[in-house]
Protein backbone atom coordinates (compact mmCIF):
# COMPACT_ATOMS: atom_id res chain seq x y z
CA MET A 1 102.11 -307.30 0.78
CA LYS A 2 105.07 -309.34 2.08
CA SER A 3 107.36 -310.91 -0.52
CA GLN A 4 106.36 -314.41 0.62
CA GLU A 5 102.71 -313.53 -0.08
CA ARG A 6 103.32 -312.27 -3.62
CA LYS A 7 102.89 -314.74 -6.45
CA ILE A 8 104.89 -314.35 -9.64
CA LEU A 9 104.03 -315.89 -13.00
CA VAL A 10 107.12 -316.68 -15.08
CA VAL A 11 106.61 -317.28 -18.78
CA GLY A 12 109.57 -319.11 -20.27
CA ALA A 13 110.60 -320.61 -16.94
CA THR A 14 112.55 -323.48 -18.49
CA GLY A 15 114.82 -321.32 -20.68
CA MET A 16 118.31 -320.09 -19.83
CA LEU A 17 117.12 -316.75 -18.45
CA GLY A 18 113.77 -317.98 -17.17
CA SER A 19 115.36 -320.70 -15.07
CA SER A 20 117.75 -318.15 -13.53
CA ILE A 21 114.80 -315.89 -12.68
CA VAL A 22 112.95 -318.80 -11.11
CA GLU A 23 116.01 -319.81 -9.08
CA ALA A 24 116.41 -316.26 -7.77
CA LEU A 25 112.73 -315.95 -6.89
CA LEU A 26 112.72 -319.27 -5.03
CA ALA A 27 115.80 -318.13 -3.11
CA GLN A 28 113.66 -315.22 -1.90
CA ARG A 29 111.02 -317.75 -0.76
CA THR A 30 108.57 -316.28 -3.23
CA LYS A 31 105.64 -318.21 -4.66
CA VAL A 32 106.26 -318.91 -8.33
CA ARG A 33 103.89 -320.17 -10.99
CA ALA A 34 105.23 -321.32 -14.36
CA LEU A 35 103.28 -321.21 -17.62
CA LEU A 36 103.93 -324.43 -19.51
CA ARG A 37 102.51 -325.79 -22.74
CA PRO A 38 100.62 -329.08 -22.21
CA GLY A 39 102.25 -332.39 -23.03
CA LYS A 40 105.54 -331.86 -21.19
CA ALA A 41 105.08 -334.27 -18.31
CA GLU A 42 108.76 -334.67 -17.39
CA VAL A 43 109.39 -330.92 -17.45
CA GLU A 44 106.26 -330.30 -15.38
CA ALA A 45 107.34 -332.88 -12.80
CA SER A 46 110.78 -331.26 -12.57
CA LEU A 47 109.29 -327.79 -12.04
CA LYS A 48 106.94 -329.03 -9.35
CA LYS A 49 109.78 -330.84 -7.61
CA ALA A 50 111.70 -327.55 -7.53
CA GLY A 51 108.77 -325.92 -5.73
CA LEU A 52 106.87 -324.25 -8.55
CA GLU A 53 103.17 -324.29 -9.26
CA VAL A 54 102.54 -325.19 -12.91
CA THR A 55 99.70 -323.97 -15.07
CA HIS A 56 99.08 -324.96 -18.68
CA GLY A 57 98.80 -322.38 -21.43
CA ASP A 58 100.25 -321.06 -24.66
CA VAL A 59 101.09 -317.43 -25.39
CA LEU A 60 99.72 -317.89 -28.91
CA GLN A 61 96.37 -319.11 -27.56
CA PRO A 62 94.97 -316.20 -25.52
CA GLU A 63 91.99 -318.23 -24.34
CA THR A 64 94.41 -320.38 -22.28
CA LEU A 65 95.96 -317.50 -20.36
CA GLY A 66 93.15 -316.22 -18.14
CA SER A 67 93.39 -318.88 -15.45
CA ALA A 68 97.18 -318.58 -15.42
CA MET A 69 96.84 -314.96 -14.26
CA GLU A 70 94.52 -315.64 -11.32
CA GLY A 71 96.05 -314.47 -8.03
CA ILE A 72 99.20 -313.17 -9.73
CA GLN A 73 100.80 -309.86 -8.73
CA VAL A 74 103.67 -309.75 -11.25
CA VAL A 75 104.12 -311.41 -14.65
CA VAL A 76 107.67 -311.95 -15.89
CA GLY A 77 108.21 -312.63 -19.57
CA ALA A 78 111.32 -314.55 -20.59
CA LEU A 79 110.38 -315.16 -24.21
CA HIS A 80 112.86 -316.01 -26.93
CA ASN A 81 113.62 -313.58 -29.77
CA ASP A 82 111.28 -315.42 -32.12
CA PRO A 83 109.64 -312.96 -34.54
CA ASP A 84 106.67 -315.33 -34.95
CA THR A 85 105.81 -315.25 -31.24
CA PHE A 86 107.55 -312.34 -29.49
CA VAL A 87 105.18 -309.45 -30.17
CA ILE A 88 101.90 -311.37 -30.43
CA GLY A 89 102.85 -313.46 -27.38
CA HIS A 90 103.49 -310.33 -25.33
CA ARG A 91 100.26 -308.75 -26.56
CA ASN A 92 98.23 -311.79 -25.48
CA LEU A 93 99.94 -311.94 -22.10
CA ILE A 94 99.52 -308.21 -21.47
CA GLU A 95 95.82 -308.30 -22.34
CA ALA A 96 95.21 -311.34 -20.11
CA ALA A 97 97.19 -309.82 -17.24
CA GLU A 98 95.36 -306.51 -17.50
CA LYS A 99 92.00 -308.26 -17.47
CA ALA A 100 93.01 -310.28 -14.39
CA GLY A 101 94.13 -307.22 -12.43
CA VAL A 102 97.85 -308.03 -12.36
CA GLU A 103 99.86 -305.17 -10.82
CA ARG A 104 103.13 -305.20 -12.77
CA PHE A 105 104.49 -306.80 -15.94
CA ILE A 106 108.16 -307.33 -16.75
CA PRO A 107 108.45 -307.85 -20.53
CA SER A 108 111.29 -309.70 -22.23
CA ASP A 109 113.57 -306.70 -22.67
CA PHE A 110 116.89 -307.58 -20.97
CA ALA A 111 119.07 -305.72 -23.45
CA VAL A 112 120.87 -302.46 -24.15
CA ASP A 113 118.76 -299.31 -24.00
CA PHE A 114 116.45 -299.94 -26.94
CA PHE A 115 114.52 -296.77 -26.16
CA LYS A 116 117.45 -294.85 -27.66
CA ILE A 117 117.69 -297.01 -30.79
CA GLU A 118 115.61 -296.72 -33.95
CA ALA A 119 113.74 -299.88 -34.95
CA GLU A 120 115.68 -300.33 -38.19
CA GLU A 121 118.98 -300.36 -36.28
CA ASN A 122 118.43 -303.69 -34.52
CA PHE A 123 116.19 -306.58 -35.55
CA ASN A 124 115.66 -307.92 -32.02
CA LEU A 125 115.28 -304.52 -30.37
CA ALA A 126 112.66 -303.57 -32.97
CA MET A 127 110.39 -306.22 -31.46
CA ARG A 128 110.84 -304.72 -28.01
CA LYS A 129 109.97 -301.31 -29.41
CA GLN A 130 106.68 -302.80 -30.63
CA VAL A 131 105.89 -304.29 -27.22
CA ALA A 132 106.62 -301.23 -25.06
CA PRO A 133 103.71 -299.09 -26.40
CA LEU A 134 101.24 -301.86 -25.53
CA PHE A 135 101.34 -300.63 -21.93
CA GLU A 136 100.23 -297.10 -22.83
CA THR A 137 96.54 -298.03 -22.57
CA THR A 138 96.79 -300.35 -19.55
CA ARG A 139 96.27 -299.70 -15.86
CA MET A 140 99.01 -302.24 -15.22
CA ARG A 141 102.50 -300.70 -15.11
CA PRO A 142 105.49 -302.29 -16.82
CA ILE A 143 108.98 -302.72 -15.43
CA HIS A 144 111.42 -302.57 -18.32
CA ILE A 145 114.69 -304.16 -17.17
CA LEU A 146 117.77 -303.27 -19.21
CA ILE A 147 121.06 -305.10 -18.59
CA GLY A 148 123.32 -304.33 -21.57
CA ALA A 149 124.74 -307.46 -23.21
CA PHE A 150 124.63 -310.91 -21.63
CA LEU A 151 128.11 -312.09 -20.73
CA ASP A 152 126.89 -315.62 -21.43
CA THR A 153 126.16 -314.66 -25.04
CA MET A 154 129.40 -312.73 -25.46
CA LEU A 155 131.42 -315.81 -24.44
CA ASP A 156 129.25 -318.35 -26.26
CA ARG A 157 131.47 -320.04 -28.84
CA ARG A 158 128.47 -320.32 -31.18
CA ALA A 159 128.14 -316.53 -31.22
CA PRO A 160 130.36 -314.42 -33.51
CA PHE A 161 131.47 -311.87 -30.93
CA ILE A 162 134.85 -313.48 -30.22
CA ASP A 163 137.27 -315.15 -32.63
CA TRP A 164 138.10 -318.10 -30.39
CA GLU A 165 140.47 -319.70 -32.89
CA ARG A 166 142.72 -316.61 -32.84
CA LYS A 167 141.71 -315.71 -29.24
CA ILE A 168 140.80 -312.19 -30.30
CA LEU A 169 137.87 -309.93 -29.49
CA PRO A 170 137.44 -307.70 -32.57
CA TYR A 171 135.89 -304.27 -32.16
CA TYR A 172 135.07 -301.11 -34.09
CA GLY A 173 135.83 -297.59 -32.93
CA ASP A 174 138.58 -296.14 -30.79
CA GLY A 175 138.25 -298.71 -28.01
CA ASN A 176 137.35 -296.06 -25.44
CA GLN A 177 133.57 -296.41 -25.42
CA LEU A 178 132.23 -297.97 -22.22
CA CYS A 179 129.70 -300.78 -22.70
CA ASP A 180 127.45 -302.63 -20.23
CA PHE A 181 127.60 -306.37 -19.54
CA THR A 182 125.65 -308.58 -17.12
CA SER A 183 125.50 -312.33 -16.61
CA VAL A 184 122.25 -314.23 -16.98
CA ARG A 185 122.50 -315.32 -13.34
CA ASP A 186 122.81 -311.75 -12.09
CA THR A 187 119.98 -310.66 -14.37
CA GLY A 188 117.78 -313.24 -12.69
CA ARG A 189 118.72 -311.85 -9.29
CA TYR A 190 117.89 -308.29 -10.33
CA VAL A 191 114.58 -309.41 -11.81
CA ALA A 192 113.67 -311.17 -8.58
CA GLN A 193 114.30 -308.01 -6.57
CA ALA A 194 112.20 -305.95 -9.00
CA CYS A 195 109.34 -308.43 -8.64
CA LEU A 196 109.31 -307.83 -4.90
CA ASP A 197 109.68 -304.06 -5.16
CA ALA A 198 106.20 -302.51 -4.99
CA ASP A 199 107.62 -299.10 -5.87
CA ALA A 200 109.87 -300.17 -8.73
CA PRO A 201 110.06 -297.54 -11.49
CA GLU A 202 108.95 -298.38 -15.01
CA VAL A 203 112.55 -298.59 -16.28
CA LEU A 204 115.45 -300.17 -14.39
CA ARG A 205 119.03 -300.25 -15.70
CA PHE A 206 121.59 -302.68 -14.30
CA ALA A 207 125.13 -303.61 -15.30
CA GLY A 208 127.34 -306.29 -13.84
CA ALA A 209 130.34 -304.59 -15.44
CA THR A 210 130.93 -301.46 -17.49
CA LEU A 211 134.01 -301.83 -19.66
CA THR A 212 135.47 -300.93 -23.02
CA MET A 213 135.85 -303.78 -25.50
CA PRO A 214 139.63 -304.00 -24.90
CA GLN A 215 139.00 -304.05 -21.14
CA LEU A 216 136.43 -306.83 -21.62
CA ALA A 217 138.95 -308.94 -23.53
CA GLU A 218 141.55 -308.43 -20.80
CA SER A 219 139.06 -309.29 -18.06
CA ILE A 220 137.96 -312.48 -19.81
CA GLY A 221 141.58 -313.60 -19.88
CA GLN A 222 143.65 -315.34 -22.56
CA LEU A 223 142.19 -312.94 -25.12
CA SER A 224 143.53 -309.90 -26.88
CA SER A 225 141.49 -307.21 -28.61
CA GLU A 226 141.84 -305.95 -32.15
CA LYS A 227 140.45 -302.86 -33.82
CA VAL A 228 138.97 -303.87 -37.18
CA GLY A 229 137.38 -300.62 -38.31
CA GLU A 230 135.60 -297.41 -37.47
CA VAL A 231 132.12 -297.13 -35.99
CA GLU A 232 130.99 -295.19 -39.05
CA GLU A 233 131.72 -298.23 -41.26
CA LEU A 234 129.27 -300.50 -39.46
CA PRO A 235 125.93 -299.46 -41.06
CA ALA A 236 127.19 -300.21 -44.58
CA LEU A 237 128.78 -303.49 -43.42
CA ILE A 238 125.55 -304.58 -41.74
CA SER A 239 123.57 -303.76 -44.87
CA SER A 240 125.96 -305.83 -46.97
CA LYS A 241 125.91 -308.75 -44.51
CA LYS A 242 122.13 -308.94 -44.69
CA HIS A 243 122.51 -310.03 -48.31
CA THR A 244 125.45 -312.41 -47.91
CA ALA A 245 125.27 -313.93 -44.41
CA SER A 246 124.38 -317.59 -44.06
CA HIS A 247 122.51 -316.87 -40.81
CA PRO A 248 120.81 -313.68 -39.53
CA PHE A 249 122.81 -313.84 -36.30
CA GLU A 250 125.87 -312.78 -38.27
CA TRP A 251 124.44 -309.34 -38.92
CA ILE A 252 122.23 -309.11 -35.82
CA ALA A 253 125.41 -309.44 -33.75
CA LEU A 254 126.94 -306.56 -35.72
CA GLN A 255 123.84 -304.48 -34.99
CA TYR A 256 124.30 -305.03 -31.25
CA HIS A 257 127.99 -304.22 -31.59
CA HIS A 258 127.13 -300.97 -33.36
CA ASN A 259 124.56 -300.05 -30.71
CA MET A 260 127.19 -300.54 -28.01
CA VAL A 261 130.45 -299.15 -29.46
CA SER A 262 128.64 -296.08 -30.77
CA GLY A 263 127.59 -295.33 -27.19
CA ARG A 264 124.00 -294.72 -28.26
CA ALA A 265 122.56 -297.64 -26.28
CA LYS A 266 124.59 -296.99 -23.11
CA LEU A 267 122.67 -297.51 -19.87
CA GLU A 268 122.47 -294.25 -17.93
CA PRO A 269 121.93 -293.88 -15.07
CA LEU A 270 122.45 -297.31 -13.53
CA ASP A 271 120.12 -298.55 -10.79
CA ASN A 272 122.42 -301.12 -9.19
CA ALA A 273 122.32 -299.20 -5.90
CA ARG A 274 118.55 -299.73 -5.62
CA TYR A 275 119.18 -303.39 -4.76
CA PRO A 276 122.48 -303.46 -2.83
CA GLN A 277 121.80 -307.06 -1.81
CA VAL A 278 122.70 -308.03 -5.38
CA VAL A 279 126.47 -307.98 -5.74
CA PRO A 280 127.11 -308.86 -9.39
CA GLU A 281 130.00 -311.11 -10.29
CA THR A 282 132.95 -309.56 -12.07
CA VAL A 283 133.85 -310.55 -15.62
CA GLU A 284 136.83 -312.44 -14.21
CA GLU A 285 134.56 -314.38 -11.83
CA PHE A 286 132.05 -315.07 -14.57
CA SER A 287 134.76 -316.25 -16.97
CA ARG A 288 136.10 -318.76 -14.44
CA ARG A 289 132.59 -320.07 -13.74
CA PHE A 290 131.76 -320.20 -17.44
CA VAL A 291 134.89 -322.21 -18.26
CA GLN A 292 134.36 -324.59 -15.32
CA ALA A 293 130.76 -325.20 -16.39
CA LYS A 294 131.84 -326.02 -19.95
CA CYS A 295 134.57 -328.35 -18.72
CA SER A 296 132.10 -330.27 -16.55
CA LEU A 297 129.78 -331.04 -19.48
């Protein structure tokens, strides 16, 4: 089947990642259908204007999903890390897609290699570890796409990864552990290629950049890095933070940091060469674009 003849259903098409996936798919002249909850007339009009087909449904209402799957070859999930909807939403989508004869399903993974991490080590990755086994009894094959950490999240001033006031990226460990980073835009481009790849394996690993934490700080520019402790200290710190943090993201971020600087969630081997048409932007390029976008707001 030619790429133009394939139809992709994107769930979460209006989110940060979902919109990037949609943009990349449309650039490939692929037919895209978006699942949208009813009652969002302006959003629906905007999606249709962009060239998407819109179908109404809700991942928490499985009876609304059957018609959304009709004529679809690949379902792409771009669901938020909401514990109230993530696992049950995936389960409902997977069951509806299987019943409709969908060929492939890309769940909302887009992270470090959670297959190597125990559930108790990362709150968000634990949800992904619950979703992955749902494919064991389906004819439909998954495509798990792993991208390391989003550069967009690393540089988000609302996230606790960087001390922007002091212009310091703090890290644990010896500073020599390589970590994987990919922008949301490049993730969308890789997802689009996987959607059109009839022979895509069940796990794909991509990285826009593979750097140590000090190298990341240098590449971002105007930042220095600072060792704040040893990797072995992180489990106890995370446990303590769970009891004192004002928001879960404070300790969830530490969990991701531990997964990365310990090397246990490293992406190996990388599959970038499978889609050479995707040339990911460097951290320096992303940083310039990120700053320009913020300045234009």
